[in-house]
Amino acid sequence: MKLFPIVYADLISAAIVLYVWIRIYANPTLETKAVHLFRNIGITIFVTLVLDHIWEYFYEISDLSKASRHLLNTISSLEFLCIPVILFFLLMYHRDQWDLGDTLALAADAGLLILNLLNIWIPTYAKTTKGLYMENAPAAKWIYTGIVLLFCFILTHDILLSHDIDVENRIMVIFTALIAALGSASCYFDGDVVAVWECVSIVYLLLFLTFVRIFDKTDQVTGIPNRNAFTLAFFRKKKKLAPVLVSFDLNHLKNFNDNMGHSTGDQYLFAFAMTAQKELKPYGKLYRVGGDEFCLISYDDPKGIQAVIDRLQEMERSDSAFGDFPLDFAYGIAIRSEGESNETLYKRADALMYENKRKNESGQARM
């Protein structure tokens, strides 16, 4: 008999959680609420792994009596509370944009938690047999399927839709959902509870990496996609090339930085980015590619884009919801020629923007 049994697969899961924590606290690149999310989920996983070792200890000393089976079933049911608790934390991450879908998901998660607690006395999804094996209850397949569907809903509704993500992040999210489904399948078909916690820890790691990549591709001043995202979306794209590229350059950033401080300069950038994004969103995606430089990648009609830009210039001031700053900018619209590369299109848009800037400066000088 092992007095202190070690489940090495659980140690691997614990190491994954520890790795995420070290990444968070050694290089805090995530927003505060995301740090809290991964801290809370990590604690939940650690508690579950401790319970798994406690279960293993009592399994080793079990006398196969009814009381022993009930104790093991109780510990196992408490372990599975990990799932609704993690789903709850994921839902709460999105609480500032709560809607009917979130309410229904929370109700489903609460129902899942109740089923886990009921399983201590009534086999709602599984029970411990006389041979100390895990046996599925008749409703188990529906509960496991429901867990996967609920997790996928939270991923798509509260993670994908609340962030500006690209193909790279979508692939990571798809594999996150796939691993969660494999964990449920291993538990249902093979009774492999340890594999479940391995899958949970891998899902935890993939979610963390997804959030990190989203952050790495988000401009922290304006909240719109940054140069990294622009490079992935434009320079590395080989198919369905965007026919229109617009380059913007603001005219007053240096003045705000020098005379009012960089904090005011950041507010100026934010006001332009939010106002321009609000007006141009139907036509494409706006990126901040440099200090006061922005680019719009569009697959739409350049005439419609030109009309929006003209409207922005007529506004003269940014949308009051984002601050009171001038909308004074130079721009260049480049329409792709047949066979033209992304690099050439970018250079043309940039050259047209500087031409527009020089024209505006010479016009102001004459006035």
Protein backbone atom coordinates (compact mmCIF):
# COMPACT_ATOMS: atom_id res chain seq x y z
CA MET A 1 0.00 0.00 0.00
CA LYS A 2 1.24 3.51 -0.85
CA LEU A 3 0.65 5.87 2.04
CA PHE A 4 1.38 8.88 -0.16
CA PRO A 5 0.44 7.90 -3.73
CA ILE A 6 1.67 10.16 -6.49
CA VAL A 7 -0.32 10.63 -9.68
CA TYR A 8 2.39 11.82 -12.03
CA ALA A 9 -0.10 12.94 -14.67
CA ASP A 10 -1.50 15.33 -12.07
CA LEU A 11 2.00 16.68 -11.45
CA ILE A 12 2.26 17.44 -15.17
CA SER A 13 -1.03 19.34 -14.93
CA ALA A 14 0.24 21.22 -11.87
CA ALA A 15 3.45 22.12 -13.73
CA ILE A 16 1.38 23.58 -16.59
CA VAL A 17 -0.58 25.75 -14.15
CA LEU A 18 2.65 26.82 -12.47
CA TYR A 19 4.12 27.76 -15.85
CA VAL A 20 1.13 30.01 -16.60
CA TRP A 21 1.43 31.69 -13.19
CA ILE A 22 5.15 32.33 -13.69
CA ARG A 23 4.42 33.83 -17.11
CA ILE A 24 1.75 36.09 -15.62
CA TYR A 25 3.74 37.40 -12.69
CA ALA A 26 7.22 37.48 -14.29
CA ASN A 27 5.93 39.41 -17.29
CA PRO A 28 2.48 40.88 -16.56
CA THR A 29 1.37 41.59 -20.12
CA LEU A 30 -2.32 40.82 -19.62
CA GLU A 31 -5.03 43.20 -18.52
CA THR A 32 -5.91 42.96 -14.82
CA LYS A 33 -9.19 41.09 -15.25
CA ALA A 34 -7.46 38.48 -17.44
CA VAL A 35 -4.77 38.01 -14.76
CA HIS A 36 -7.52 37.46 -12.18
CA LEU A 37 -9.24 34.99 -14.53
CA PHE A 38 -6.15 32.78 -14.92
CA ARG A 39 -5.24 33.08 -11.25
CA ASN A 40 -8.70 31.90 -10.17
CA ILE A 41 -8.86 29.06 -12.70
CA GLY A 42 -5.34 27.97 -11.71
CA ILE A 43 -6.31 27.81 -8.03
CA THR A 44 -9.38 25.75 -8.97
CA ILE A 45 -7.24 23.28 -10.93
CA PHE A 46 -4.73 22.97 -8.07
CA VAL A 47 -7.53 22.22 -5.57
CA THR A 48 -8.89 19.59 -7.97
CA LEU A 49 -5.48 17.94 -8.30
CA VAL A 50 -5.13 17.81 -4.51
CA LEU A 51 -8.55 16.16 -4.30
CA ASP A 52 -7.46 13.68 -6.96
CA HIS A 53 -4.49 12.67 -4.81
CA ILE A 54 -6.75 12.38 -1.77
CA TRP A 55 -9.04 10.13 -3.82
CA GLU A 56 -6.02 8.01 -4.81
CA TYR A 57 -4.98 7.69 -1.15
CA PHE A 58 -8.41 6.44 -0.03
CA TYR A 59 -8.58 4.17 -3.07
CA GLU A 60 -5.34 2.52 -1.92
CA ILE A 61 -6.65 1.87 1.61
CA SER A 62 -10.25 1.08 0.65
CA ASP A 63 -11.83 -2.09 2.05
CA LEU A 64 -14.44 -2.15 -0.77
CA SER A 65 -17.21 -1.47 1.76
CA LYS A 66 -20.26 0.65 0.99
CA ALA A 67 -18.86 3.44 3.17
CA SER A 68 -15.56 3.40 1.23
CA ARG A 69 -17.39 3.55 -2.08
CA HIS A 70 -19.50 6.45 -0.86
CA LEU A 71 -16.38 8.32 0.31
CA LEU A 72 -14.65 7.82 -3.05
CA ASN A 73 -17.80 8.88 -4.89
CA THR A 74 -18.02 12.02 -2.74
CA ILE A 75 -14.43 13.01 -3.42
CA SER A 76 -14.86 12.31 -7.14
CA SER A 77 -18.04 14.44 -7.25
CA LEU A 78 -16.20 17.29 -5.51
CA GLU A 79 -13.40 17.00 -8.06
CA PHE A 80 -15.85 17.47 -10.90
CA LEU A 81 -17.02 20.74 -9.35
CA CYS A 82 -13.89 22.05 -11.05
CA ILE A 83 -15.77 22.18 -14.37
CA PRO A 84 -18.73 24.44 -13.44
CA VAL A 85 -16.43 26.64 -11.32
CA ILE A 86 -14.06 27.21 -14.27
CA LEU A 87 -17.02 27.92 -16.58
CA PHE A 88 -18.31 30.42 -13.99
CA PHE A 89 -15.00 32.30 -13.97
CA LEU A 90 -15.01 32.42 -17.79
CA LEU A 91 -18.54 33.84 -17.75
CA MET A 92 -17.63 36.46 -15.13
CA TYR A 93 -14.72 37.63 -17.28
CA HIS A 94 -17.33 38.96 -19.72
CA ARG A 95 -19.68 40.38 -17.05
CA ASP A 96 -19.34 44.00 -18.25
CA GLN A 97 -21.19 43.02 -21.46
CA TRP A 98 -23.86 40.76 -19.95
CA ASP A 99 -26.79 39.70 -22.14
CA LEU A 100 -29.48 37.02 -22.39
CA GLY A 101 -27.02 34.43 -23.70
CA ASP A 102 -24.81 34.93 -20.64
CA THR A 103 -27.82 34.61 -18.33
CA LEU A 104 -28.84 31.32 -19.93
CA ALA A 105 -25.25 30.05 -19.80
CA LEU A 106 -25.02 30.96 -16.10
CA ALA A 107 -28.28 29.11 -15.43
CA ALA A 108 -26.93 26.04 -17.26
CA ASP A 109 -23.69 26.26 -15.29
CA ALA A 110 -25.61 26.49 -12.01
CA GLY A 111 -27.58 23.41 -13.04
CA LEU A 112 -24.32 21.59 -13.74
CA LEU A 113 -22.99 22.51 -10.30
CA ILE A 114 -26.17 21.19 -8.66
CA LEU A 115 -25.91 17.92 -10.61
CA ASN A 116 -22.34 17.51 -9.36
CA LEU A 117 -23.41 17.97 -5.76
CA LEU A 118 -26.41 15.65 -6.19
CA ASN A 119 -24.05 12.99 -7.56
CA ILE A 120 -22.69 12.54 -4.02
CA TRP A 121 -25.97 10.83 -3.08
CA ILE A 122 -27.72 10.10 -6.40
CA PRO A 123 -25.83 8.97 -9.54
CA THR A 124 -26.73 11.83 -11.86
CA TYR A 125 -23.75 11.27 -14.17
CA ALA A 126 -21.57 8.55 -12.57
CA LYS A 127 -21.18 6.24 -9.58
CA THR A 128 -18.44 4.18 -7.96
CA THR A 129 -19.01 0.43 -8.44
CA LYS A 130 -18.18 -2.36 -6.00
CA GLY A 131 -14.92 -2.83 -7.82
CA LEU A 132 -14.17 0.88 -7.29
CA TYR A 133 -14.55 1.69 -10.98
CA MET A 134 -16.37 4.72 -12.33
CA GLU A 135 -19.62 3.78 -14.07
CA ASN A 136 -21.68 6.20 -16.14
CA ALA A 137 -25.26 6.99 -15.17
CA PRO A 138 -27.92 6.88 -17.94
CA ALA A 139 -27.89 10.67 -18.31
CA ALA A 140 -24.08 10.92 -18.44
CA LYS A 141 -23.79 11.33 -22.21
CA TRP A 142 -26.18 14.27 -22.17
CA ILE A 143 -24.36 15.94 -19.29
CA TYR A 144 -20.91 15.51 -20.91
CA THR A 145 -22.27 16.75 -24.24
CA GLY A 146 -23.88 19.70 -22.47
CA ILE A 147 -20.57 20.60 -20.79
CA VAL A 148 -18.74 20.68 -24.12
CA LEU A 149 -21.50 22.71 -25.79
CA LEU A 150 -21.61 25.17 -22.87
CA PHE A 151 -17.83 25.59 -23.00
CA CYS A 152 -17.93 26.15 -26.77
CA PHE A 153 -20.72 28.71 -26.33
CA ILE A 154 -18.69 30.65 -23.76
CA LEU A 155 -15.61 30.54 -26.02
CA THR A 156 -17.47 31.88 -29.04
CA HIS A 157 -19.89 34.24 -27.31
CA ASP A 158 -17.70 35.68 -24.56
CA ILE A 159 -14.13 35.26 -25.86
CA LEU A 160 -14.24 35.40 -29.65
CA LEU A 161 -16.88 38.10 -29.93
CA SER A 162 -15.46 40.30 -27.15
CA HIS A 163 -11.99 40.51 -28.75
CA ASP A 164 -10.77 41.52 -32.18
CA ILE A 165 -9.16 38.21 -33.13
CA ASP A 166 -7.71 36.83 -36.34
CA VAL A 167 -7.34 33.40 -37.96
CA GLU A 168 -4.40 32.48 -35.72
CA ASN A 169 -6.45 32.95 -32.56
CA ARG A 170 -9.48 31.23 -34.05
CA ILE A 171 -7.34 28.14 -34.71
CA MET A 172 -6.15 28.16 -31.09
CA VAL A 173 -9.73 28.44 -29.84
CA ILE A 174 -10.86 25.57 -32.10
CA PHE A 175 -8.15 23.29 -30.72
CA THR A 176 -9.01 24.40 -27.19
CA ALA A 177 -12.59 23.24 -27.76
CA LEU A 178 -11.35 20.02 -29.41
CA ILE A 179 -9.18 19.11 -26.41
CA ALA A 180 -12.08 19.81 -24.06
CA ALA A 181 -14.24 17.45 -26.13
CA LEU A 182 -11.53 14.74 -26.04
CA GLY A 183 -11.35 15.06 -22.25
CA SER A 184 -15.10 14.51 -21.97
CA ALA A 185 -14.92 11.56 -24.37
CA SER A 186 -12.10 9.90 -22.42
CA CYS A 187 -14.11 10.19 -19.22
CA TYR A 188 -17.34 8.91 -20.76
CA PHE A 189 -15.96 6.03 -22.83
CA ASP A 190 -12.99 4.99 -20.72
CA GLY A 191 -13.66 6.37 -17.24
CA ASP A 192 -10.25 8.05 -17.39
CA VAL A 193 -10.64 10.86 -14.85
CA VAL A 194 -6.91 11.66 -14.83
CA ALA A 195 -7.08 12.39 -18.57
CA VAL A 196 -9.84 14.88 -17.83
CA TRP A 197 -7.57 16.93 -15.55
CA GLU A 198 -4.76 16.71 -18.10
CA CYS A 199 -7.13 18.09 -20.74
CA VAL A 200 -8.34 20.81 -18.37
CA SER A 201 -4.77 21.96 -17.74
CA ILE A 202 -3.97 21.93 -21.49
CA VAL A 203 -7.15 23.93 -22.18
CA TYR A 204 -6.03 26.36 -19.47
CA LEU A 205 -2.64 26.75 -21.15
CA LEU A 206 -4.12 27.22 -24.63
CA LEU A 207 -6.58 29.82 -23.35
CA PHE A 208 -3.71 31.70 -21.70
CA LEU A 209 -1.65 31.63 -24.91
CA THR A 210 -4.70 32.81 -26.86
CA PHE A 211 -5.17 35.78 -24.52
CA VAL A 212 -1.45 36.61 -24.70
CA ARG A 213 -1.51 36.61 -28.49
CA ILE A 214 -4.65 38.78 -28.52
CA PHE A 215 -2.87 41.23 -26.21
CA ASP A 216 0.31 41.15 -28.32
CA LYS A 217 -1.72 42.14 -31.36
CA THR A 218 -3.71 44.90 -29.64
CA ASP A 219 -2.54 48.50 -29.36
CA GLN A 220 -2.62 49.35 -25.66
CA VAL A 221 -3.32 53.05 -26.21
CA THR A 222 -6.23 52.88 -28.65
CA GLY A 223 -7.51 49.31 -28.17
CA ILE A 224 -7.50 48.61 -31.91
CA PRO A 225 -5.23 46.03 -33.66
CA ASN A 226 -1.56 47.03 -33.74
CA ARG A 227 1.38 46.65 -36.14
CA ASN A 228 1.76 42.95 -35.26
CA ALA A 229 -1.85 42.29 -36.26
CA PHE A 230 -1.45 44.40 -39.41
CA THR A 231 1.64 42.42 -40.46
CA LEU A 232 -0.23 39.11 -40.05
CA ALA A 233 -3.35 40.36 -41.80
CA PHE A 234 -1.67 42.20 -44.67
CA PHE A 235 1.96 41.33 -45.34
CA ARG A 236 1.65 37.60 -44.66
CA LYS A 237 -1.63 37.16 -46.48
CA LYS A 238 -1.38 35.43 -49.85
CA LYS A 239 -5.02 34.79 -50.76
CA LYS A 240 -8.00 37.13 -51.10
CA LEU A 241 -5.77 40.19 -51.22
CA ALA A 242 -7.41 43.42 -50.09
CA PRO A 243 -8.14 45.69 -53.07
CA VAL A 244 -7.98 48.92 -51.04
CA LEU A 245 -5.50 50.23 -48.47
CA VAL A 246 -5.82 53.59 -46.72
CA SER A 247 -2.91 55.18 -44.86
CA PHE A 248 -3.60 57.87 -42.22
CA ASP A 249 -1.22 60.24 -40.46
CA LEU A 250 -2.31 62.60 -37.67
CA ASN A 251 -1.09 66.18 -37.70
CA HIS A 252 -1.02 67.20 -34.03
CA LEU A 253 0.45 64.36 -31.98
CA LYS A 254 3.83 66.07 -31.45
CA ASN A 255 2.11 69.27 -30.30
CA PHE A 256 0.01 67.43 -27.75
CA ASN A 257 2.99 65.42 -26.49
CA ASP A 258 5.30 68.43 -26.23
CA ASN A 259 2.84 70.97 -24.83
CA MET A 260 0.34 68.91 -22.82
CA GLY A 261 2.20 65.69 -22.07
CA HIS A 262 2.14 62.16 -23.46
CA SER A 263 -0.99 61.30 -21.51
CA THR A 264 -2.93 63.91 -23.50
CA GLY A 265 -1.22 62.66 -26.66
CA ASP A 266 -2.52 59.17 -25.88
CA GLN A 267 -6.04 60.56 -25.42
CA TYR A 268 -5.71 62.26 -28.81
CA LEU A 269 -4.72 58.98 -30.46
CA PHE A 270 -7.57 57.16 -28.73
CA ALA A 271 -10.14 59.77 -29.79
CA PHE A 272 -9.07 59.56 -33.45
CA ALA A 273 -8.90 55.74 -33.46
CA MET A 274 -12.34 55.28 -31.90
CA THR A 275 -13.98 57.95 -34.07
CA ALA A 276 -12.42 56.64 -37.29
CA GLN A 277 -13.15 53.02 -36.39
CA LYS A 278 -16.79 53.86 -35.63
CA GLU A 279 -17.22 55.51 -39.04
CA LEU A 280 -15.09 53.10 -41.10
CA LYS A 281 -16.06 49.79 -39.46
CA PRO A 282 -18.53 48.80 -42.23
CA TYR A 283 -15.71 49.19 -44.77
CA GLY A 284 -12.81 47.31 -43.16
CA LYS A 285 -10.46 47.02 -40.21
CA LEU A 286 -8.40 49.87 -38.82
CA TYR A 287 -4.88 49.29 -37.42
CA ARG A 288 -2.42 51.52 -35.58
CA VAL A 289 0.86 50.81 -37.39
CA GLY A 290 3.11 53.47 -35.86
CA GLY A 291 3.22 56.48 -33.54
CA ASP A 292 0.52 58.55 -35.26
CA GLU A 293 0.05 56.33 -38.30
CA PHE A 294 -2.99 54.17 -39.00
CA CYS A 295 -4.00 51.87 -41.86
CA LEU A 296 -7.36 50.62 -43.06
CA ILE A 297 -7.52 47.31 -44.91
CA SER A 298 -10.70 47.21 -46.97
CA TYR A 299 -12.47 44.90 -49.40
CA ASP A 300 -15.17 47.49 -50.07
CA ASP A 301 -15.92 50.18 -52.64
CA PRO A 302 -13.24 52.93 -52.49
CA LYS A 303 -15.90 55.54 -53.30
CA GLY A 304 -17.75 54.66 -50.10
CA ILE A 305 -14.49 54.87 -48.12
CA GLN A 306 -13.71 58.26 -49.66
CA ALA A 307 -17.17 59.51 -48.64
CA VAL A 308 -16.56 58.47 -45.02
CA ILE A 309 -13.13 60.13 -44.97
CA ASP A 310 -14.67 63.33 -46.36
CA ARG A 311 -17.28 63.15 -43.61
CA LEU A 312 -14.57 62.72 -40.97
CA GLN A 313 -12.77 65.80 -42.23
CA GLU A 314 -16.00 67.81 -42.22
CA MET A 315 -16.58 66.80 -38.60
CA GLU A 316 -13.35 68.62 -37.65
CA ARG A 317 -13.61 67.29 -34.05
CA SER A 318 -13.60 63.72 -32.76
CA ASP A 319 -16.78 62.06 -31.50
CA SER A 320 -17.49 63.64 -28.09
CA ALA A 321 -17.93 60.16 -26.58
CA PHE A 322 -14.18 59.62 -27.06
CA GLY A 323 -12.84 63.09 -26.22
CA ASP A 324 -12.69 66.59 -27.67
CA PHE A 325 -9.78 66.61 -30.13
CA PRO A 326 -9.26 67.87 -33.70
CA LEU A 327 -9.76 65.46 -36.60
CA ASP A 328 -6.88 66.83 -38.62
CA PHE A 329 -5.11 64.16 -40.65
CA ALA A 330 -3.48 63.37 -43.97
CA TYR A 331 -4.45 60.24 -45.87
CA GLY A 332 -3.73 58.23 -48.98
CA ILE A 333 -6.06 55.74 -50.66
CA ALA A 334 -4.35 53.13 -52.84
CA ILE A 335 -6.45 50.83 -55.03
CA ARG A 336 -4.65 47.62 -55.97
CA SER A 337 -3.53 47.33 -59.57
CA GLU A 338 -3.68 43.95 -61.30
CA GLY A 339 -0.84 41.72 -60.05
CA GLU A 340 0.34 44.31 -57.52
CA SER A 341 1.97 42.93 -54.36
CA ASN A 342 1.01 43.88 -50.81
CA GLU A 343 4.38 45.60 -50.31
CA THR A 344 3.93 47.80 -53.38
CA LEU A 345 0.35 48.66 -52.43
CA TYR A 346 1.50 49.68 -48.95
CA LYS A 347 4.28 51.89 -50.34
CA ARG A 348 1.84 53.57 -52.74
CA ALA A 349 -0.69 54.28 -49.97
CA ASP A 350 2.10 55.69 -47.80
CA ALA A 351 3.42 57.87 -50.66
CA LEU A 352 -0.08 59.19 -51.40
CA MET A 353 -0.56 60.01 -47.73
CA TYR A 354 2.69 62.04 -47.61
CA GLU A 355 1.71 63.77 -50.85
CA ASN A 356 -1.60 64.74 -49.23
CA LYS A 357 0.25 65.90 -46.13
CA ARG A 358 2.60 68.15 -48.10
CA LYS A 359 -0.33 69.57 -50.06
CA ASN A 360 -2.19 70.42 -46.84
CA GLU A 361 0.92 72.01 -45.30
CA SER A 362 1.58 74.15 -48.38
CA GLY A 363 -2.08 75.21 -48.45
CA GLN A 364 -1.92 76.28 -44.78
CA ALA A 365 1.34 78.14 -45.40
CA ARG A 366 -0.27 80.22 -48.22
CA MET A 367 -3.19 81.05 -45.96
